[in-house]
Protein backbone atom coordinates (compact mmCIF):
# COMPACT_ATOMS: atom_id res chain seq x y z
CA MET A 1 78.78 65.87 122.92
CA PHE A 2 81.38 63.10 122.78
CA LEU A 3 84.61 63.25 124.74
CA ASP A 4 87.95 61.60 124.16
CA GLU A 5 89.92 59.79 126.88
CA GLN A 6 91.37 63.11 128.07
CA GLY A 7 87.93 64.64 128.45
CA ASN A 8 88.15 66.85 125.38
CA GLU A 9 85.15 67.24 123.12
CA PHE A 10 85.82 65.61 119.77
CA CYS A 11 82.37 65.83 118.22
CA LYS A 12 78.89 67.05 118.96
CA TRP A 13 75.58 65.48 118.02
CA GLY A 14 72.08 66.76 118.34
CA PRO A 15 69.80 67.95 119.58
CA ARG A 16 67.96 65.42 117.39
CA ALA A 17 68.37 63.29 114.29
CA GLU A 18 67.21 65.30 111.25
CA PRO A 19 64.16 63.08 110.47
CA VAL A 20 63.09 63.29 114.11
CA GLN A 21 63.60 67.07 114.13
CA ARG A 22 61.30 67.36 111.11
CA ARG A 23 58.58 65.46 113.00
CA VAL A 24 59.02 67.72 116.02
CA ASP A 25 58.90 70.84 113.86
CA GLU A 26 55.75 69.65 112.06
CA LEU A 27 53.98 68.88 115.32
CA MET A 28 54.96 72.16 116.96
CA ALA A 29 53.95 74.14 113.88
CA GLN A 30 50.40 72.92 114.44
CA LEU A 31 50.16 74.54 117.87
CA PRO A 32 47.98 77.60 118.26
CA ASP A 33 49.53 81.00 118.92
CA LYS A 34 51.17 81.28 122.34
CA GLU A 35 48.57 83.85 123.34
CA SER A 36 45.73 81.42 122.60
CA PRO A 37 43.85 80.14 125.65
CA THR A 38 44.28 76.58 124.32
CA PHE A 39 48.05 76.83 123.78
CA ASN A 40 49.13 75.23 127.08
CA ASP A 41 46.75 72.29 126.72
CA GLU A 42 47.70 71.73 123.09
CA ARG A 43 51.39 71.97 123.92
CA LYS A 44 50.98 69.37 126.68
CA LYS A 45 49.29 67.06 124.18
CA ALA A 46 52.12 67.60 121.69
CA ILE A 47 54.73 66.80 124.34
CA GLN A 48 52.83 63.62 125.21
CA GLN A 49 52.84 62.62 121.53
CA LEU A 50 56.56 63.29 121.26
CA THR A 51 57.27 61.35 124.43
CA ALA A 52 55.31 58.38 123.09
CA MET A 53 57.15 58.65 119.76
CA TYR A 54 60.55 58.55 121.49
CA ARG A 55 59.50 55.71 123.75
CA GLU A 56 57.62 53.47 121.30
CA ASN A 57 58.64 54.16 117.70
CA GLU A 58 61.46 51.83 116.69
CA GLN A 59 62.01 53.80 113.48
CA VAL A 60 62.88 56.83 115.61
CA TRP A 61 65.38 54.73 117.56
CA ASP A 62 66.99 53.60 114.32
CA GLU A 63 67.13 57.17 112.99
CA VAL A 64 68.78 58.41 116.17
CA PHE A 65 71.28 55.55 116.18
CA SER A 66 72.15 56.10 112.53
CA SER A 67 72.55 59.84 113.07
CA ILE A 68 74.84 59.35 116.05
CA MET A 69 76.94 56.80 114.18
CA GLU A 70 77.24 59.09 111.16
CA THR A 71 78.42 61.91 113.42
CA LEU A 72 81.00 59.68 115.06
CA LYS A 73 82.31 58.43 111.71
CA LYS A 74 82.87 62.03 110.57
CA ALA A 75 84.82 62.89 113.75
């Protein structure tokens, strides 16, 4: 959410850039059923992968930046 000088929302971005959301969706789609005994461990691994992606993947940074800028230009 972006605010103007008076504190009013003038545009909203997120929760993720579309290319990043696709990666998240693909990874989460690979998780076993929530009732599976391995679900919690597999979910933790997926979260670790996503965290590393956000922290280390410069392409992700560029995609997020571009998405935010596009949103601001449309506002």
